[in-house]
């Protein structure tokens, strides 16, 4: 329920605060006073597209703020929490929700939900749970097949909801299978070429059998073999210096490092008893001797391994490097080639299975199509049953709306398959006895269309209640007794929902429990003091103005009192 709306610099409205509250609220005012701007501001709070044209001339921005009373738990509170906002508890399972929207003169928009900035799309999501707005454009929308189908689905309630959910699941499944099958068949040649290429690549990898890091290892081996002589000379010289009895640089003969270390050890060992410091050096010389001996052994092994290599091994290594290099150029890296060898078999099996997959998918698609037919038939049956009930209920409502001989028929006919079913729903109207029902788009006048829309909402509200209805001049094209019945039915709708009506008819406003008047100031703007809740003599004067254009006409005032008494009865 909307508790309060505040508007600033919106159209002709400088500032206005509307205290709404429960029940039926009528908003009246002179032409151009800004009544429709109230609906525009509400639309902004409900996520409507922002337009810089709504900003009051000379103002930097327009602001719309609203306070709703909503359940403090449930779909609305959850969506607010998802947006980072908060519904403030006020007791009895209810809470206050603050919404705001600003539109700058440059057309930029900013929204706030529960005290936190949020995208305007969040407002639109909340609108689906909070408000149904009807205006002249919505009467035009009722002429569309989609809007008429949606109205029937709302009335059908759980029966249609369940059948529609089952149909949509079946439709999505069948569509996905069909798309997969079509893609498989359309790209069969490309997949066959991919399979042949993959098979050749896997055969090459199996024959070559590359190993992780082999390209690096081969590069190091090639470098070693290409410099074998230089390596052999250096290693031989080092080995001789350590244990072979040769001198460094080959200059003459002399003791090797091992002999020299042994002599040094013996020299210190003889006198180490006299000085403990020398004993530590003896231990160091022992360790150096062992390490020199180990290093000489390793160099000997290195030379033996080097002697076994020859030009033939270098040629073999280079040949292997060339093969691995070609593999790397083909696949981008050795790791990519190894990954293909690991995963390629699974992909090849998938590609080779195309024939069987086509047969399986065809069978699955046929089964899915059969399930979709069953779901579509069930949805059609649910809609047809609901259409009969809706036709009777709306026809009864129209009798109460001064269309005693009108008859509504909600027809459900076969249509194209869509995500919403295979039904074309049409609301047909026979406006008088003996007339054949024809599409409401062609058979209803503006006033009749207004009443058909109201009758549908009253009937649907009985099974699918909406917290708030907003009607912008739903009474267009009607008057007299018909207008009185429209007011009476709006009051009935207000028994279960909040109803806000922008109207120019006293017959409608008479049934409101809360009457607000929007009046221009002397400067042509609407200020806070220019939106007033009317009661007593002020309300009678406004009703008289609506009836005759004169707020002080005795005849009009008497008529106004009669209407108010009728509305209060």
Protein backbone atom coordinates (compact mmCIF):
# COMPACT_ATOMS: atom_id res chain seq x y z
CA UNK A 1 0.00 0.00 0.00
CA UNK A 2 1.22 3.50 -0.88
CA UNK A 3 1.29 5.64 2.24
CA UNK A 4 2.70 8.88 0.88
CA UNK A 5 4.07 10.36 -2.35
CA UNK A 6 6.18 13.52 -2.50
CA UNK A 7 6.92 15.26 -5.82
CA UNK A 8 9.31 18.16 -6.43
CA UNK A 9 9.93 20.08 -9.66
CA UNK A 10 7.98 17.56 -11.72
CA UNK A 11 6.17 19.18 -14.64
CA UNK A 12 4.00 21.98 -13.29
CA UNK A 13 4.40 20.69 -9.74
CA UNK A 14 6.87 22.73 -7.67
CA UNK A 15 6.29 20.61 -4.59
CA UNK A 16 3.42 18.39 -3.52
CA UNK A 17 2.91 15.77 -0.84
CA UNK A 18 0.01 13.36 -1.24
CA UNK A 19 -1.16 11.40 1.78
CA UNK A 20 -2.76 8.33 0.23
CA UNK A 21 -3.58 5.64 2.77
CA UNK A 22 -5.81 2.58 2.35
CA UNK A 23 -9.06 2.33 0.44
CA UNK A 24 -10.23 4.49 -2.44
CA UNK A 25 -8.42 7.78 -3.15
CA UNK A 26 -9.70 10.13 -5.84
CA UNK A 27 -7.46 12.85 -7.27
CA UNK A 28 -9.20 15.73 -9.03
CA UNK A 29 -8.25 19.16 -10.26
CA UNK A 30 -8.61 21.62 -13.09
CA UNK A 31 -7.28 20.78 -16.53
CA UNK A 32 -3.55 21.38 -16.59
CA UNK A 33 -3.28 21.46 -12.80
CA UNK A 34 -0.92 18.49 -12.78
CA UNK A 35 -3.17 15.53 -11.94
CA UNK A 36 -1.49 13.31 -14.51
CA UNK A 37 1.92 14.35 -13.17
CA UNK A 38 1.00 12.39 -10.05
CA UNK A 39 0.77 9.26 -12.19
CA UNK A 40 3.99 10.25 -13.98
CA UNK A 41 5.80 10.57 -10.66
CA UNK A 42 4.44 7.23 -9.54
CA UNK A 43 5.63 5.74 -12.81
CA UNK A 44 9.16 6.97 -12.10
CA UNK A 45 9.01 5.27 -8.70
CA UNK A 46 7.98 2.07 -10.46
CA UNK A 47 10.93 2.04 -12.86
CA UNK A 48 9.45 3.86 -15.88
CA UNK A 49 11.90 5.31 -18.39
CA UNK A 50 13.33 8.64 -17.28
CA UNK A 51 12.77 11.65 -19.55
CA UNK A 52 14.29 15.07 -19.00
CA UNK A 53 11.03 16.56 -20.31
CA UNK A 54 9.37 15.87 -16.94
CA UNK A 55 11.76 18.28 -15.13
CA UNK A 56 10.08 21.56 -14.25
CA UNK A 57 11.33 24.47 -16.33
CA UNK A 58 14.30 26.15 -14.66
CA UNK A 59 14.88 23.31 -12.16
CA UNK A 60 18.03 21.20 -12.00
CA UNK A 61 16.20 17.95 -11.36
CA UNK A 62 12.83 16.38 -10.65
CA UNK A 63 12.37 14.23 -7.55
CA UNK A 64 9.75 11.60 -6.75
CA UNK A 65 9.69 9.93 -3.34
CA UNK A 66 7.29 7.34 -2.02
CA UNK A 67 6.63 5.45 1.18
CA UNK A 68 5.00 2.02 0.89
CA UNK A 69 3.68 -0.22 3.64
CA UNK A 70 4.62 -3.78 2.70
CA UNK A 71 5.02 -7.16 4.42
CA UNK A 72 8.35 -7.17 6.28
CA UNK A 73 9.05 -10.65 4.88
CA UNK A 74 8.40 -12.18 1.49
CA UNK A 75 9.14 -11.45 -2.16
CA UNK A 76 9.24 -7.64 -1.84
CA UNK A 77 11.47 -7.63 1.25
CA UNK A 78 13.76 -10.22 -0.35
CA UNK A 79 14.18 -8.14 -3.53
CA UNK A 80 14.89 -5.03 -1.47
CA UNK A 81 17.51 -6.94 0.55
CA UNK A 82 19.10 -8.24 -2.66
CA UNK A 83 19.52 -4.60 -3.73
CA UNK A 84 21.17 -3.75 -0.41
CA UNK A 85 18.17 -1.86 0.95
CA UNK A 86 15.99 -2.41 4.00
CA UNK A 87 12.30 -2.61 4.84
CA UNK A 88 11.91 -0.93 8.23
CA UNK A 89 9.62 -3.01 10.50
CA UNK A 90 6.66 -1.18 12.01
CA UNK A 91 4.96 -4.14 13.69
CA UNK A 92 2.21 -6.63 12.87
CA UNK A 93 4.35 -8.23 10.17
CA UNK A 94 4.54 -4.99 8.19
CA UNK A 95 7.30 -2.56 7.32
CA UNK A 96 7.87 0.76 5.57
CA UNK A 97 9.70 0.79 2.24
CA UNK A 98 11.20 4.05 1.00
CA UNK A 99 11.61 4.49 -2.77
CA UNK A 100 13.03 7.54 -4.55
CA UNK A 101 13.90 8.59 -8.09
CA UNK A 102 15.58 11.71 -9.43
CA UNK A 103 15.79 12.84 -13.06
CA UNK A 104 18.17 15.65 -13.99
CA UNK A 105 17.55 18.26 -16.66
CA UNK A 106 20.18 16.43 -18.74
CA UNK A 107 18.15 13.21 -18.54
CA UNK A 108 20.31 11.31 -16.04
CA UNK A 109 18.42 9.19 -13.54
CA UNK A 110 19.19 7.89 -10.06
CA UNK A 111 17.10 5.50 -7.97
CA UNK A 112 17.05 4.62 -4.28
CA UNK A 113 15.50 1.49 -2.76
CA UNK A 114 15.20 1.08 0.98
CA UNK A 115 17.76 3.80 1.60
CA UNK A 116 20.38 2.47 -0.84
CA UNK A 117 21.20 3.46 -4.42
CA UNK A 118 19.99 0.87 -6.90
CA UNK A 119 19.39 0.45 -10.64
CA UNK A 120 15.99 1.56 -11.93
CA UNK A 121 15.43 -2.07 -12.92
CA UNK A 122 15.01 -2.91 -9.23
CA UNK A 123 12.09 -0.47 -9.09
CA UNK A 124 10.54 -2.22 -12.09
CA UNK A 125 10.94 -5.60 -10.36
CA UNK A 126 9.20 -4.27 -7.25
CA UNK A 127 6.44 -2.71 -9.34
CA UNK A 128 5.29 -6.16 -10.44
CA UNK A 129 4.61 -6.98 -6.78
CA UNK A 130 3.21 -3.63 -5.66
CA UNK A 131 1.10 -1.81 -8.23
CA UNK A 132 -1.03 -2.21 -11.37
CA UNK A 133 -1.32 1.05 -13.31
CA UNK A 134 -4.07 1.63 -15.88
CA UNK A 135 -4.33 4.63 -18.15
CA UNK A 136 -5.46 5.40 -21.68
CA UNK A 137 -2.39 3.60 -23.02
CA UNK A 138 -3.34 0.53 -21.00
CA UNK A 139 -6.78 0.54 -22.56
CA UNK A 140 -5.03 0.45 -25.93
CA UNK A 141 -2.81 -2.33 -24.61
CA UNK A 142 -5.91 -4.34 -23.71
CA UNK A 143 -6.57 -4.47 -27.42
CA UNK A 144 -3.44 -6.63 -27.93
CA UNK A 145 -3.65 -10.42 -27.96
CA UNK A 146 -0.76 -10.74 -25.49
CA UNK A 147 -2.45 -8.46 -22.92
CA UNK A 148 -5.72 -10.37 -23.26
CA UNK A 149 -3.89 -13.69 -22.77
CA UNK A 150 -2.11 -12.30 -19.71
CA UNK A 151 -5.44 -11.20 -18.23
CA UNK A 152 -6.86 -14.71 -18.71
CA UNK A 153 -3.74 -16.29 -17.18
CA UNK A 154 -3.99 -14.04 -14.12
CA UNK A 155 -7.62 -15.02 -13.66
CA UNK A 156 -6.86 -18.73 -14.13
CA UNK A 157 -4.58 -18.69 -11.11
CA UNK A 158 -2.81 -21.84 -9.97
CA UNK A 159 -4.36 -24.09 -12.62
CA UNK A 160 -2.96 -22.06 -15.49
CA UNK A 161 0.27 -21.21 -13.62
CA UNK A 162 1.09 -24.89 -13.19
CA UNK A 163 0.17 -25.84 -16.75
CA UNK A 164 2.10 -22.86 -18.13
CA UNK A 165 5.22 -23.70 -16.10
CA UNK A 166 5.12 -27.30 -17.37
CA UNK A 167 4.64 -26.08 -20.94
CA UNK A 168 7.52 -23.59 -20.72
CA UNK A 169 9.88 -26.28 -19.42
CA UNK A 170 8.82 -28.64 -22.23
CA UNK A 171 9.10 -25.83 -24.80
CA UNK A 172 12.62 -24.90 -23.67
CA UNK A 173 13.72 -28.57 -23.67
CA UNK A 174 12.30 -29.25 -27.13
CA UNK A 175 13.81 -26.04 -28.50
CA UNK A 176 17.25 -26.87 -27.10
CA UNK A 177 17.19 -30.40 -28.57
CA UNK A 178 16.05 -29.07 -31.93
CA UNK A 179 18.83 -26.47 -31.98
CA UNK A 180 21.45 -29.07 -31.03
CA UNK A 181 20.25 -31.47 -33.72
CA UNK A 182 20.17 -28.73 -36.36
CA UNK A 183 23.70 -27.64 -35.43
CA UNK A 184 24.97 -31.22 -35.57
CA UNK A 185 23.50 -31.83 -39.02
CA UNK A 186 24.50 -28.41 -40.41
CA UNK A 187 28.12 -28.80 -39.32
CA UNK A 188 28.51 -32.49 -40.11
CA UNK A 189 31.13 -31.91 -42.88
CA UNK A 190 33.15 -29.55 -40.70
CA UNK A 191 33.08 -32.06 -37.84
CA UNK A 192 34.18 -34.85 -40.19
CA UNK A 193 37.13 -32.70 -41.32
CA UNK A 194 37.97 -31.95 -37.70
CA UNK A 195 37.90 -35.67 -36.90
CA UNK A 196 40.27 -36.48 -39.78
CA UNK A 197 42.68 -33.74 -38.74
CA UNK A 198 42.54 -34.82 -35.11
CA UNK A 199 43.10 -38.47 -36.02
CA UNK A 200 46.23 -37.55 -38.03
CA UNK A 201 47.55 -35.38 -35.20
CA UNK A 202 47.04 -38.15 -32.63
CA UNK A 203 48.80 -40.67 -34.89
CA UNK A 204 51.78 -38.33 -35.22
CA UNK A 205 51.90 -37.82 -31.46
CA UNK A 206 51.71 -41.56 -30.83
CA UNK A 207 54.57 -42.20 -33.25
CA UNK A 208 56.78 -39.40 -31.97
CA UNK A 209 55.87 -39.95 -28.29
CA UNK A 210 57.12 -36.57 -26.97
CA UNK A 211 57.85 -36.24 -23.26
CA UNK A 212 57.30 -33.27 -20.96
CA UNK A 213 60.27 -30.87 -21.14
CA UNK A 214 61.93 -32.86 -23.91
CA UNK A 215 62.49 -29.81 -26.11
CA UNK A 216 64.57 -28.18 -23.37
CA UNK A 217 66.50 -31.39 -22.68
CA UNK A 218 67.30 -31.85 -26.37
CA UNK A 219 68.57 -28.28 -26.68
CA UNK A 220 70.94 -28.84 -23.76
CA UNK A 221 72.20 -32.18 -25.16
CA UNK A 222 72.79 -30.65 -28.59
CA UNK A 223 74.79 -27.84 -27.04
CA UNK A 224 76.89 -30.33 -25.11
CA UNK A 225 77.57 -32.57 -28.12
CA UNK A 226 78.45 -29.66 -30.39
CA UNK A 227 81.18 -28.58 -27.93
CA UNK A 228 82.37 -32.07 -26.99
CA UNK A 229 86.08 -31.53 -27.73
CA UNK A 230 86.31 -28.32 -25.75
CA UNK A 231 84.42 -29.93 -22.88
CA UNK A 232 86.65 -33.02 -22.98
CA UNK A 233 89.85 -30.93 -22.87
CA UNK A 234 88.64 -28.82 -19.95
CA UNK A 235 87.41 -31.84 -17.97
CA UNK A 236 90.67 -33.79 -18.61
CA UNK A 237 92.78 -30.86 -17.49
CA UNK A 238 90.69 -30.42 -14.34
CA UNK A 239 90.84 -34.17 -13.57
CA UNK A 240 94.61 -34.21 -13.96
CA UNK A 241 94.98 -31.22 -11.67
CA UNK A 242 92.90 -32.93 -9.01
CA UNK A 243 94.24 -36.47 -9.12
CA UNK A 244 96.20 -37.20 -12.27
CA UNK A 245 99.61 -35.87 -11.24
CA UNK A 246 99.64 -33.14 -13.94
CA UNK A 247 100.22 -29.46 -13.42
CA UNK A 248 97.69 -26.77 -14.13
CA UNK A 249 97.86 -25.31 -17.64
CA UNK A 250 100.07 -28.26 -18.63
CA UNK A 251 103.25 -26.46 -17.62
CA UNK A 252 105.58 -29.26 -16.51
CA UNK A 253 104.84 -32.14 -14.17
CA UNK A 254 104.03 -31.81 -10.51
CA UNK A 255 101.95 -33.21 -7.72
CA UNK A 256 98.15 -33.06 -8.08
CA UNK A 257 95.82 -31.33 -5.65
CA UNK A 258 95.13 -34.54 -3.74
CA UNK A 259 98.80 -35.13 -3.01
CA UNK A 260 99.35 -31.52 -1.98
CA UNK A 261 96.36 -31.62 0.41
CA UNK A 262 97.66 -34.89 1.93
CA UNK A 263 101.11 -33.39 2.49
CA UNK A 264 99.61 -30.31 4.12
CA UNK A 265 97.52 -32.49 6.41
CA UNK A 266 100.47 -34.56 7.53
CA UNK A 267 102.56 -31.44 8.19
CA UNK A 268 99.92 -29.98 10.50
CA UNK A 269 99.06 -33.29 12.13
CA UNK A 270 102.59 -33.68 13.46
CA UNK A 271 102.36 -30.49 15.51
CA UNK A 272 98.60 -30.26 16.15
CA UNK A 273 99.02 -31.65 19.68
CA UNK A 274 100.86 -28.48 20.60
CA UNK A 275 98.05 -26.11 19.38
CA UNK A 276 94.34 -26.93 19.25
CA UNK A 277 93.82 -24.29 16.56
CA UNK A 278 95.87 -26.40 14.12
CA UNK A 279 93.76 -29.47 14.95
CA UNK A 280 90.70 -27.71 13.42
CA UNK A 281 92.68 -27.04 10.24
CA UNK A 282 93.65 -30.72 10.05
CA UNK A 283 89.92 -31.61 10.02
CA UNK A 284 89.32 -29.06 7.25
CA UNK A 285 92.13 -30.54 5.15
CA UNK A 286 90.62 -34.01 5.67
CA UNK A 287 87.27 -32.75 4.33
CA UNK A 288 88.90 -31.02 1.36
CA UNK A 289 90.76 -34.19 0.49
CA UNK A 290 87.55 -36.21 0.43
CA UNK A 291 85.78 -33.60 -1.65
CA UNK A 292 88.64 -33.39 -4.16
CA UNK A 293 88.61 -37.18 -4.49
CA UNK A 294 84.81 -37.17 -5.05
CA UNK A 295 85.07 -34.41 -7.64
CA UNK A 296 87.86 -36.25 -9.48
CA UNK A 297 85.63 -39.37 -9.59
CA UNK A 298 82.70 -37.39 -11.00
CA UNK A 299 84.93 -35.82 -13.66
CA UNK A 300 86.19 -39.26 -14.60
CA UNK A 301 82.60 -40.44 -15.10
CA UNK A 302 81.79 -37.33 -17.09
CA UNK A 303 84.78 -38.00 -19.40
CA UNK A 304 83.76 -41.64 -19.82
CA UNK A 305 80.19 -40.58 -20.78
CA UNK A 306 81.57 -37.95 -23.14
CA UNK A 307 83.86 -40.49 -24.81
CA UNK A 308 80.84 -42.69 -25.60
CA UNK A 309 79.17 -39.81 -27.50
CA UNK A 310 80.06 -39.17 -31.08
CA UNK A 311 79.00 -37.40 -34.24
CA UNK A 312 76.29 -39.98 -34.83
CA UNK A 313 74.62 -39.09 -31.51
CA UNK A 314 74.65 -35.38 -32.35
CA UNK A 315 72.94 -36.13 -35.67
CA UNK A 316 70.28 -38.18 -33.88
CA UNK A 317 69.68 -35.42 -31.34
CA UNK A 318 69.34 -32.78 -34.05
CA UNK A 319 66.91 -34.98 -35.96
CA UNK A 320 64.80 -35.44 -32.83
CA UNK A 321 64.92 -31.71 -32.16
CA UNK A 322 63.67 -31.00 -35.67
CA UNK A 323 60.72 -33.38 -35.18
CA UNK A 324 59.85 -31.88 -31.79
CA UNK A 325 60.23 -28.35 -33.22
CA UNK A 326 57.77 -29.13 -36.01
CA UNK A 327 55.34 -30.39 -33.38
CA UNK A 328 55.72 -27.17 -31.39
CA UNK A 329 55.13 -25.03 -34.49
CA UNK A 330 51.97 -26.98 -35.29
CA UNK A 331 50.44 -26.86 -31.81
CA UNK A 332 51.96 -23.67 -30.40
CA UNK A 333 53.89 -25.35 -27.60
CA UNK A 334 54.98 -28.79 -26.45
CA UNK A 335 52.54 -28.54 -23.53
CA UNK A 336 49.65 -27.93 -25.98
CA UNK A 337 50.68 -30.99 -28.00
CA UNK A 338 50.84 -33.11 -24.86
CA UNK A 339 47.40 -31.81 -23.79
CA UNK A 340 45.99 -32.78 -27.18
CA UNK A 341 47.41 -36.28 -26.79
CA UNK A 342 45.74 -36.48 -23.36
CA UNK A 343 42.31 -35.07 -24.31
CA UNK A 344 42.11 -35.57 -28.06
CA UNK A 345 40.90 -39.16 -27.84
CA UNK A 346 37.75 -38.07 -26.02
CA UNK A 347 37.02 -35.37 -28.59
CA UNK A 348 37.68 -37.84 -31.44
CA UNK A 349 35.30 -40.34 -29.88
CA UNK A 350 32.67 -37.59 -29.68
CA UNK A 351 33.18 -36.64 -33.33
CA UNK A 352 33.19 -40.26 -34.49
CA UNK A 353 29.91 -40.73 -32.60
CA UNK A 354 28.08 -38.14 -34.74
CA UNK A 355 26.00 -40.70 -36.59
CA UNK A 356 24.79 -42.33 -33.40
CA UNK A 357 24.28 -38.92 -31.78
CA UNK A 358 22.03 -37.79 -34.64
CA UNK A 359 19.86 -40.88 -34.18
CA UNK A 360 19.74 -40.42 -30.41
CA UNK A 361 18.92 -36.72 -30.71
CA UNK A 362 16.23 -37.42 -33.26
CA UNK A 363 14.63 -39.89 -30.86
CA UNK A 364 14.93 -37.46 -27.95
CA UNK A 365 13.55 -34.59 -30.05
CA UNK A 366 10.58 -36.71 -31.06
CA UNK A 367 9.89 -37.61 -27.43
CA UNK A 368 10.27 -33.95 -26.41
CA UNK A 369 7.87 -32.85 -29.16
CA UNK A 370 5.31 -35.37 -27.91
CA UNK A 371 5.73 -34.11 -24.33
CA UNK A 372 5.37 -30.53 -25.61
CA UNK A 373 2.12 -31.46 -27.39
CA UNK A 374 0.75 -32.93 -24.16
CA UNK A 375 1.78 -29.85 -22.17
CA UNK A 376 0.27 -27.52 -24.79
CA UNK A 377 -3.01 -29.46 -24.73
CA UNK A 378 -3.13 -29.32 -20.93
CA UNK A 379 -2.51 -25.55 -21.00
CA UNK A 380 -5.22 -25.06 -23.60
CA UNK A 381 -7.69 -27.03 -21.50
CA UNK A 382 -6.86 -24.95 -18.41
CA UNK A 383 -7.23 -21.70 -20.36
CA UNK A 384 -10.49 -22.81 -21.97
CA UNK A 385 -12.01 -23.68 -18.60
CA UNK A 386 -10.84 -20.35 -17.14
CA UNK A 387 -12.10 -18.47 -20.22
CA UNK A 388 -15.65 -19.74 -19.66
CA UNK A 389 -15.59 -18.57 -16.04
CA UNK A 390 -14.02 -15.22 -16.92
CA UNK A 391 -16.57 -14.59 -19.67
CA UNK A 392 -19.49 -15.14 -17.30
CA UNK A 393 -17.97 -13.09 -14.47
CA UNK A 394 -17.05 -10.08 -16.66
CA UNK A 395 -20.46 -10.14 -18.34
CA UNK A 396 -22.08 -9.95 -14.89
CA UNK A 397 -19.83 -7.02 -13.97
CA UNK A 398 -20.72 -5.16 -17.16
CA UNK A 399 -24.39 -5.40 -16.28
CA UNK A 400 -23.56 -3.57 -13.06
CA UNK A 401 -21.55 -1.00 -15.06
CA UNK A 402 -24.56 0.21 -17.04
CA UNK A 403 -24.04 -2.23 -19.93
CA UNK A 404 -27.00 -4.51 -19.15
CA UNK A 405 -27.16 -6.17 -22.57
CA UNK A 406 -23.43 -6.48 -23.17
CA UNK A 407 -21.84 -9.89 -23.33
CA UNK A 408 -18.16 -10.78 -23.13
CA UNK A 409 -16.74 -13.94 -24.65
CA UNK A 410 -13.14 -14.94 -23.96
CA UNK A 411 -12.18 -17.12 -26.91
CA UNK A 412 -9.23 -19.52 -26.89
CA UNK A 413 -8.21 -20.57 -30.39
CA UNK A 414 -5.21 -22.50 -31.80
CA UNK A 415 -2.26 -20.24 -32.50
CA UNK A 416 1.43 -20.28 -33.26
CA UNK A 417 3.70 -22.05 -30.80
CA UNK A 418 5.50 -19.60 -28.52
CA UNK A 419 6.99 -19.72 -25.04
CA UNK A 420 3.54 -18.69 -23.76
CA UNK A 421 1.70 -21.61 -25.37
CA UNK A 422 -0.13 -22.40 -28.58
CA UNK A 423 -3.23 -20.38 -27.86
CA UNK A 424 -4.55 -17.15 -29.31
CA UNK A 425 -6.72 -15.50 -26.66
CA UNK A 426 -9.23 -12.89 -27.76
CA UNK A 427 -11.68 -10.93 -25.62
CA UNK A 428 -14.82 -10.47 -27.68
CA UNK A 429 -17.60 -8.02 -26.88
CA UNK A 430 -21.20 -8.01 -27.99
CA UNK A 431 -22.23 -4.52 -26.78
CA UNK A 432 -25.99 -5.09 -27.12
CA UNK A 433 -28.50 -7.86 -27.47
CA UNK A 434 -28.48 -9.62 -30.82
CA UNK A 435 -24.94 -8.45 -31.71
CA UNK A 436 -22.32 -10.99 -32.59
CA UNK A 437 -19.28 -10.93 -30.29
CA UNK A 438 -16.42 -9.17 -32.04
CA UNK A 439 -12.86 -8.38 -30.94
CA UNK A 440 -12.91 -5.68 -28.29
CA UNK A 441 -10.44 -3.70 -30.39
CA UNK A 442 -13.09 -3.20 -33.07
CA UNK A 443 -16.40 -3.35 -31.22
CA UNK A 444 -15.81 -1.24 -28.09
CA UNK A 445 -15.95 2.53 -27.83
CA UNK A 446 -13.56 4.33 -25.48
CA UNK A 447 -16.11 4.32 -22.66
CA UNK A 448 -17.00 0.68 -23.21
CA UNK A 449 -13.34 -0.28 -23.29
CA UNK A 450 -12.80 1.52 -19.97
CA UNK A 451 -15.61 -0.44 -18.37
CA UNK A 452 -14.46 -3.76 -19.86
CA UNK A 453 -10.99 -3.15 -18.42
CA UNK A 454 -12.41 -2.22 -15.01
CA UNK A 455 -14.72 -5.25 -15.02
CA UNK A 456 -11.79 -7.54 -15.81
CA UNK A 457 -9.71 -6.05 -12.98
CA UNK A 458 -12.56 -6.35 -10.48
CA UNK A 459 -13.11 -9.99 -11.42
CA UNK A 460 -9.40 -10.87 -11.42
CA UNK A 461 -8.88 -9.11 -8.09
CA UNK A 462 -11.20 -11.69 -6.57
CA UNK A 463 -8.70 -14.48 -7.32
CA UNK A 464 -5.39 -12.61 -7.77
CA UNK A 465 -5.39 -9.60 -5.49
CA UNK A 466 -2.96 -6.76 -6.24
CA UNK A 467 -1.90 -4.41 -3.39
CA UNK A 468 -2.53 -1.19 -5.32
CA UNK A 469 -4.44 -0.19 -8.46
CA UNK A 470 -3.86 3.18 -10.11
CA UNK A 471 -6.36 4.35 -12.73
CA UNK A 472 -5.60 7.44 -14.80
CA UNK A 473 -8.94 8.75 -16.14
CA UNK A 474 -10.43 5.28 -16.56
CA UNK A 475 -13.76 7.13 -16.75
CA UNK A 476 -12.90 8.73 -20.11
CA UNK A 477 -15.82 8.52 -22.53
CA UNK A 478 -18.50 7.80 -19.91
CA UNK A 479 -20.84 9.80 -17.73
CA UNK A 480 -24.20 9.75 -15.95
CA UNK A 481 -25.37 6.41 -14.61
CA UNK A 482 -22.42 4.58 -16.13
CA UNK A 483 -20.02 6.83 -14.24
CA UNK A 484 -21.86 6.15 -10.98
CA UNK A 485 -21.52 2.41 -11.51
CA UNK A 486 -17.83 2.81 -12.32
CA UNK A 487 -17.37 4.66 -9.03
CA UNK A 488 -19.32 1.96 -7.18
CA UNK A 489 -17.17 -0.81 -8.70
CA UNK A 490 -13.96 1.07 -7.88
CA UNK A 491 -15.15 1.27 -4.29
CA UNK A 492 -15.79 -2.47 -4.35
CA UNK A 493 -12.26 -3.06 -5.66
CA UNK A 494 -10.97 -0.87 -2.82
CA UNK A 495 -12.38 -3.33 -0.29
CA UNK A 496 -9.47 -5.71 -1.01
CA UNK A 497 -6.88 -3.39 -2.60
CA UNK A 498 -5.74 0.19 -2.44
CA UNK A 499 -7.28 2.14 -5.35
CA UNK A 500 -6.02 5.50 -6.62
CA UNK A 501 -8.03 7.19 -9.38
CA UNK A 502 -7.25 10.36 -11.31
CA UNK A 503 -10.69 11.49 -12.46
CA UNK A 504 -12.66 14.42 -13.82
CA UNK A 505 -16.04 12.94 -12.89
CA UNK A 506 -17.85 13.80 -9.67
CA UNK A 507 -19.81 10.55 -9.99
CA UNK A 508 -16.57 8.60 -9.56
CA UNK A 509 -14.99 10.84 -6.93
CA UNK A 510 -18.12 10.60 -4.77
CA UNK A 511 -17.29 7.00 -3.84
CA UNK A 512 -13.76 7.78 -2.64
CA UNK A 513 -12.92 7.66 1.03
CA UNK A 514 -10.01 10.06 0.47
CA UNK A 515 -10.42 12.99 -1.94
CA UNK A 516 -7.33 15.00 -2.94
CA UNK A 517 -7.51 18.16 -5.02
CA UNK A 518 -4.63 19.54 -7.10
CA UNK A 519 -4.90 23.28 -7.71
CA UNK A 520 -2.55 25.64 -9.54
CA UNK A 521 -1.17 28.61 -7.71
CA UNK A 522 -1.41 32.13 -9.06
CA UNK A 523 2.02 31.74 -10.67
CA UNK A 524 0.91 28.64 -12.58
CA UNK A 525 2.76 26.16 -10.38
CA UNK A 526 1.55 23.59 -7.92
CA UNK A 527 2.97 23.92 -4.40
CA UNK A 528 2.60 21.81 -1.29
CA UNK A 529 -0.32 23.91 -0.09
CA UNK A 530 -2.07 23.36 -3.44
CA UNK A 531 -2.66 19.64 -2.86
CA UNK A 532 -5.32 19.31 -0.23
CA UNK A 533 -7.35 16.53 1.30
CA UNK A 534 -10.93 17.65 0.89
CA UNK A 535 -13.74 17.21 3.37
CA UNK A 536 -17.03 18.90 4.22
CA UNK A 537 -17.77 22.12 2.36
CA UNK A 538 -14.48 22.08 0.46
CA UNK A 539 -15.29 18.70 -0.99
CA UNK A 540 -18.81 19.72 -1.87
CA UNK A 541 -17.43 22.77 -3.70
CA UNK A 542 -14.95 20.65 -5.68
CA UNK A 543 -17.70 18.17 -6.58
CA UNK A 544 -19.88 21.06 -7.73
CA UNK A 545 -17.04 22.37 -9.90
CA UNK A 546 -16.63 18.92 -11.46
CA UNK A 547 -20.36 18.80 -12.19
CA UNK A 548 -20.92 22.29 -13.57
CA UNK A 549 -17.64 24.13 -13.69
CA UNK A 550 -18.93 26.39 -10.89
CA UNK A 551 -17.96 25.69 -7.31
CA UNK A 552 -20.62 28.01 -5.84
CA UNK A 553 -23.62 27.00 -7.92
CA UNK A 554 -26.49 26.15 -5.58
CA UNK A 555 -27.88 23.56 -7.97
CA UNK A 556 -24.48 21.96 -8.46
CA UNK A 557 -23.84 21.96 -4.72
CA UNK A 558 -27.14 20.23 -4.08
CA UNK A 559 -26.31 17.64 -6.72
CA UNK A 560 -22.86 17.22 -5.18
CA UNK A 561 -24.39 16.50 -1.76
CA UNK A 562 -26.66 13.89 -3.33
CA UNK A 563 -23.70 12.16 -4.95
CA UNK A 564 -21.67 12.21 -1.74
CA UNK A 565 -24.58 10.71 0.13
CA UNK A 566 -24.85 8.01 -2.53
CA UNK A 567 -21.14 7.27 -2.27
CA UNK A 568 -21.31 7.04 1.51
CA UNK A 569 -24.31 4.71 1.48
